[in-house]
Amino acid sequence: MESKEKNPHNYRTVGYSMILVAASLVMIALLYLAIGDDVLYSDRVSKEKQYEYQQFLEEMKLKQEQTEKTEISPSVDEKSTMINP
């Protein structure tokens, strides 16, 4: 009994710390199970998003070029008739 008084411990805090460590290990295990053997998961997701963004930019560029081509610009004959009615 004297040893407890000489070296008191806060067992509740130690217990909560052990629970937190166990919970973090469980979360790591769950992440490993979810990701599996794909250790470059974030790299693959990043490359997919970059590819999608590049495709989006190309589509927007094509749409912009099409709208520029479809705009009606008056021809030389139309300009002359507009000036001299």
N, C-alpha and C. Protein backbone atom coordinates (compact mmCIF):
# COMPACT_ATOMS: atom_id res chain seq x y z
N MET A 1 0.81 -1.21 0.00
CA MET A 1 0.00 0.00 0.00
C MET A 1 0.85 1.27 0.00
N GLU A 2 1.97 1.19 0.62
CA GLU A 2 2.84 2.36 0.68
C GLU A 2 3.39 2.71 -0.70
N SER A 3 3.56 1.70 -1.57
CA SER A 3 4.09 1.97 -2.90
C SER A 3 3.13 2.81 -3.73
N LYS A 4 1.83 2.65 -3.52
CA LYS A 4 0.86 3.48 -4.22
C LYS A 4 0.98 4.93 -3.79
N GLU A 5 1.22 5.15 -2.54
CA GLU A 5 1.31 6.52 -2.04
C GLU A 5 2.61 7.18 -2.50
N LYS A 6 3.68 6.41 -2.65
CA LYS A 6 4.94 6.99 -3.08
C LYS A 6 4.92 7.29 -4.57
N ASN A 7 4.24 6.47 -5.37
CA ASN A 7 4.23 6.63 -6.82
C ASN A 7 2.79 6.59 -7.33
N PRO A 8 2.02 7.65 -7.10
CA PRO A 8 0.61 7.63 -7.52
C PRO A 8 0.49 7.78 -9.04
N HIS A 9 -0.49 7.10 -9.61
CA HIS A 9 -0.76 7.17 -11.04
C HIS A 9 -2.20 7.58 -11.25
N ASN A 10 -2.41 8.22 -12.33
CA ASN A 10 -3.78 8.56 -12.71
C ASN A 10 -4.23 7.48 -13.68
N TYR A 11 -4.81 6.42 -13.16
CA TYR A 11 -5.15 5.26 -13.99
C TYR A 11 -6.24 5.58 -15.02
N ARG A 12 -7.10 6.51 -14.69
CA ARG A 12 -8.16 6.87 -15.64
C ARG A 12 -7.56 7.50 -16.90
N THR A 13 -6.63 8.40 -16.74
CA THR A 13 -5.99 9.05 -17.88
C THR A 13 -5.22 8.02 -18.71
N VAL A 14 -4.51 7.14 -18.05
CA VAL A 14 -3.77 6.10 -18.76
C VAL A 14 -4.73 5.19 -19.52
N GLY A 15 -5.86 4.86 -18.91
CA GLY A 15 -6.86 4.02 -19.57
C GLY A 15 -7.44 4.68 -20.81
N TYR A 16 -7.76 5.99 -20.70
CA TYR A 16 -8.28 6.71 -21.86
C TYR A 16 -7.22 6.80 -22.96
N SER A 17 -5.98 6.98 -22.59
CA SER A 17 -4.91 7.02 -23.58
C SER A 17 -4.78 5.70 -24.31
N MET A 18 -4.90 4.62 -23.57
CA MET A 18 -4.83 3.29 -24.20
C MET A 18 -6.00 3.07 -25.14
N ILE A 19 -7.17 3.55 -24.76
CA ILE A 19 -8.34 3.43 -25.64
C ILE A 19 -8.12 4.24 -26.92
N LEU A 20 -7.58 5.46 -26.80
CA LEU A 20 -7.31 6.28 -27.99
C LEU A 20 -6.28 5.63 -28.90
N VAL A 21 -5.26 5.04 -28.33
CA VAL A 21 -4.25 4.37 -29.15
C VAL A 21 -4.88 3.18 -29.87
N ALA A 22 -5.71 2.41 -29.17
CA ALA A 22 -6.37 1.27 -29.79
C ALA A 22 -7.31 1.73 -30.90
N ALA A 23 -8.05 2.82 -30.67
CA ALA A 23 -8.97 3.33 -31.68
C ALA A 23 -8.21 3.81 -32.92
N SER A 24 -7.07 4.46 -32.72
CA SER A 24 -6.31 4.92 -33.88
C SER A 24 -5.76 3.73 -34.68
N LEU A 25 -5.35 2.68 -33.99
CA LEU A 25 -4.88 1.48 -34.70
C LEU A 25 -6.01 0.82 -35.47
N VAL A 26 -7.21 0.83 -34.91
CA VAL A 26 -8.36 0.27 -35.63
C VAL A 26 -8.66 1.11 -36.87
N MET A 27 -8.57 2.44 -36.76
CA MET A 27 -8.82 3.29 -37.93
C MET A 27 -7.78 3.04 -39.02
N ILE A 28 -6.53 2.85 -38.63
CA ILE A 28 -5.50 2.55 -39.62
C ILE A 28 -5.79 1.22 -40.31
N ALA A 29 -6.22 0.23 -39.53
CA ALA A 29 -6.55 -1.07 -40.11
C ALA A 29 -7.73 -0.97 -41.07
N LEU A 30 -8.74 -0.18 -40.71
CA LEU A 30 -9.90 -0.01 -41.59
C LEU A 30 -9.51 0.70 -42.88
N LEU A 31 -8.66 1.70 -42.78
CA LEU A 31 -8.19 2.38 -43.99
C LEU A 31 -7.40 1.43 -44.88
N TYR A 32 -6.59 0.60 -44.26
CA TYR A 32 -5.83 -0.37 -45.04
C TYR A 32 -6.77 -1.34 -45.76
N LEU A 33 -7.81 -1.78 -45.07
CA LEU A 33 -8.77 -2.70 -45.69
C LEU A 33 -9.53 -2.01 -46.82
N ALA A 34 -9.85 -0.74 -46.63
CA ALA A 34 -10.60 -0.01 -47.66
C ALA A 34 -9.74 0.23 -48.90
N ILE A 35 -8.49 0.60 -48.69
CA ILE A 35 -7.61 0.91 -49.81
C ILE A 35 -7.04 -0.36 -50.41
N GLY A 36 -6.72 -1.31 -49.58
CA GLY A 36 -6.19 -2.58 -50.06
C GLY A 36 -4.74 -2.47 -50.46
N ASP A 37 -4.41 -3.13 -51.54
CA ASP A 37 -3.03 -3.15 -52.00
C ASP A 37 -2.66 -1.94 -52.85
N ASP A 38 -3.61 -1.06 -53.08
CA ASP A 38 -3.36 0.13 -53.89
C ASP A 38 -2.67 1.19 -53.03
N VAL A 39 -1.35 1.06 -52.87
CA VAL A 39 -0.63 1.98 -51.99
C VAL A 39 -0.49 3.36 -52.61
N LEU A 40 -0.67 3.48 -53.91
CA LEU A 40 -0.60 4.77 -54.58
C LEU A 40 -2.00 5.30 -54.89
N TYR A 41 -2.91 5.08 -53.98
CA TYR A 41 -4.32 5.47 -54.16
C TYR A 41 -4.45 6.97 -54.43
N SER A 42 -3.83 7.79 -53.59
CA SER A 42 -3.96 9.23 -53.77
C SER A 42 -3.32 9.69 -55.07
N ASP A 43 -2.24 9.06 -55.47
CA ASP A 43 -1.60 9.41 -56.74
C ASP A 43 -2.51 9.09 -57.91
N ARG A 44 -3.16 7.94 -57.86
CA ARG A 44 -4.08 7.54 -58.93
C ARG A 44 -5.27 8.49 -59.02
N VAL A 45 -5.83 8.85 -57.86
CA VAL A 45 -6.97 9.77 -57.84
C VAL A 45 -6.55 11.13 -58.39
N SER A 46 -5.37 11.59 -58.01
CA SER A 46 -4.86 12.88 -58.49
C SER A 46 -4.70 12.87 -60.00
N LYS A 47 -4.15 11.80 -60.55
CA LYS A 47 -3.97 11.73 -62.00
C LYS A 47 -5.31 11.68 -62.73
N GLU A 48 -6.29 10.98 -62.16
CA GLU A 48 -7.62 10.94 -62.79
C GLU A 48 -8.24 12.32 -62.82
N LYS A 49 -8.11 13.07 -61.73
CA LYS A 49 -8.68 14.41 -61.68
C LYS A 49 -7.98 15.35 -62.66
N GLN A 50 -6.66 15.21 -62.79
CA GLN A 50 -5.93 16.03 -63.75
C GLN A 50 -6.37 15.71 -65.18
N TYR A 51 -6.58 14.44 -65.47
CA TYR A 51 -7.03 14.04 -66.80
C TYR A 51 -8.41 14.61 -67.09
N GLU A 52 -9.32 14.52 -66.10
CA GLU A 52 -10.66 15.08 -66.28
C GLU A 52 -10.59 16.59 -66.51
N TYR A 53 -9.72 17.28 -65.79
CA TYR A 53 -9.58 18.72 -65.95
C TYR A 53 -9.05 19.06 -67.34
N GLN A 54 -8.08 18.30 -67.82
CA GLN A 54 -7.54 18.53 -69.16
C GLN A 54 -8.62 18.32 -70.22
N GLN A 55 -9.44 17.28 -70.05
CA GLN A 55 -10.53 17.04 -70.98
C GLN A 55 -11.52 18.20 -70.97
N PHE A 56 -11.82 18.70 -69.77
CA PHE A 56 -12.73 19.83 -69.64
C PHE A 56 -12.18 21.06 -70.36
N LEU A 57 -10.89 21.33 -70.19
CA LEU A 57 -10.28 22.48 -70.86
C LEU A 57 -10.33 22.33 -72.37
N GLU A 58 -10.07 21.13 -72.87
CA GLU A 58 -10.13 20.91 -74.32
C GLU A 58 -11.54 21.11 -74.85
N GLU A 59 -12.54 20.62 -74.11
CA GLU A 59 -13.93 20.81 -74.54
C GLU A 59 -14.30 22.29 -74.57
N MET A 60 -13.87 23.02 -73.56
CA MET A 60 -14.18 24.45 -73.52
C MET A 60 -13.48 25.18 -74.67
N LYS A 61 -12.26 24.77 -74.99
CA LYS A 61 -11.55 25.39 -76.10
C LYS A 61 -12.26 25.12 -77.42
N LEU A 62 -12.72 23.88 -77.61
CA LEU A 62 -13.44 23.55 -78.84
C LEU A 62 -14.75 24.33 -78.94
N LYS A 63 -15.47 24.45 -77.83
CA LYS A 63 -16.72 25.21 -77.84
C LYS A 63 -16.46 26.67 -78.17
N GLN A 64 -15.39 27.22 -77.62
CA GLN A 64 -15.06 28.61 -77.88
C GLN A 64 -14.71 28.81 -79.36
N GLU A 65 -13.97 27.88 -79.93
CA GLU A 65 -13.62 27.98 -81.35
C GLU A 65 -14.87 27.86 -82.22
N GLN A 66 -15.79 26.99 -81.84
CA GLN A 66 -17.02 26.84 -82.63
C GLN A 66 -17.87 28.09 -82.56
N THR A 67 -17.96 28.70 -81.40
CA THR A 67 -18.76 29.92 -81.30
C THR A 67 -18.12 31.05 -82.09
N GLU A 68 -16.80 31.09 -82.14
CA GLU A 68 -16.13 32.12 -82.93
C GLU A 68 -16.39 31.91 -84.41
N LYS A 69 -16.44 30.67 -84.86
CA LYS A 69 -16.68 30.38 -86.26
C LYS A 69 -18.13 30.64 -86.65
N THR A 70 -19.05 30.40 -85.74
CA THR A 70 -20.46 30.54 -86.08
C THR A 70 -20.97 31.96 -85.96
N GLU A 71 -20.16 32.86 -85.39
CA GLU A 71 -20.60 34.25 -85.30
C GLU A 71 -20.76 34.80 -86.71
N ILE A 72 -21.80 35.54 -86.93
CA ILE A 72 -22.06 36.09 -88.26
C ILE A 72 -21.27 37.37 -88.43
N SER A 73 -20.34 37.32 -89.34
CA SER A 73 -19.57 38.54 -89.65
C SER A 73 -20.05 39.00 -91.02
N PRO A 74 -20.34 40.26 -91.15
CA PRO A 74 -20.84 40.75 -92.44
C PRO A 74 -19.78 40.64 -93.52
N SER A 75 -20.21 40.23 -94.69
CA SER A 75 -19.28 40.12 -95.82
C SER A 75 -19.08 41.50 -96.44
N VAL A 76 -18.25 41.57 -97.45
CA VAL A 76 -17.94 42.84 -98.11
C VAL A 76 -19.19 43.41 -98.77
N ASP A 77 -20.01 42.56 -99.41
CA ASP A 77 -21.22 43.03 -100.08
C ASP A 77 -22.21 43.59 -99.07
N GLU A 78 -22.33 42.93 -97.95
CA GLU A 78 -23.28 43.40 -96.94
C GLU A 78 -22.85 44.74 -96.37
N LYS A 79 -21.54 44.94 -96.21
CA LYS A 79 -21.05 46.20 -95.68
C LYS A 79 -21.37 47.34 -96.66
N SER A 80 -21.16 47.07 -97.92
CA SER A 80 -21.40 48.15 -98.92
C SER A 80 -22.89 48.49 -98.99
N THR A 81 -23.75 47.50 -98.84
CA THR A 81 -25.19 47.81 -98.88
C THR A 81 -25.62 48.51 -97.61
N MET A 82 -24.92 48.25 -96.53
CA MET A 82 -25.27 48.92 -95.27
C MET A 82 -24.87 50.39 -95.32
N ILE A 83 -23.78 50.70 -95.98
CA ILE A 83 -23.33 52.07 -96.05
C ILE A 83 -24.20 52.85 -97.05
N ASN A 84 -24.50 52.23 -98.20
CA ASN A 84 -25.32 52.89 -99.21
C ASN A 84 -26.68 52.21 -99.31
N PRO A 85 -27.63 52.69 -98.60
CA PRO A 85 -28.96 52.02 -98.64
C PRO A 85 -29.72 52.29 -99.90
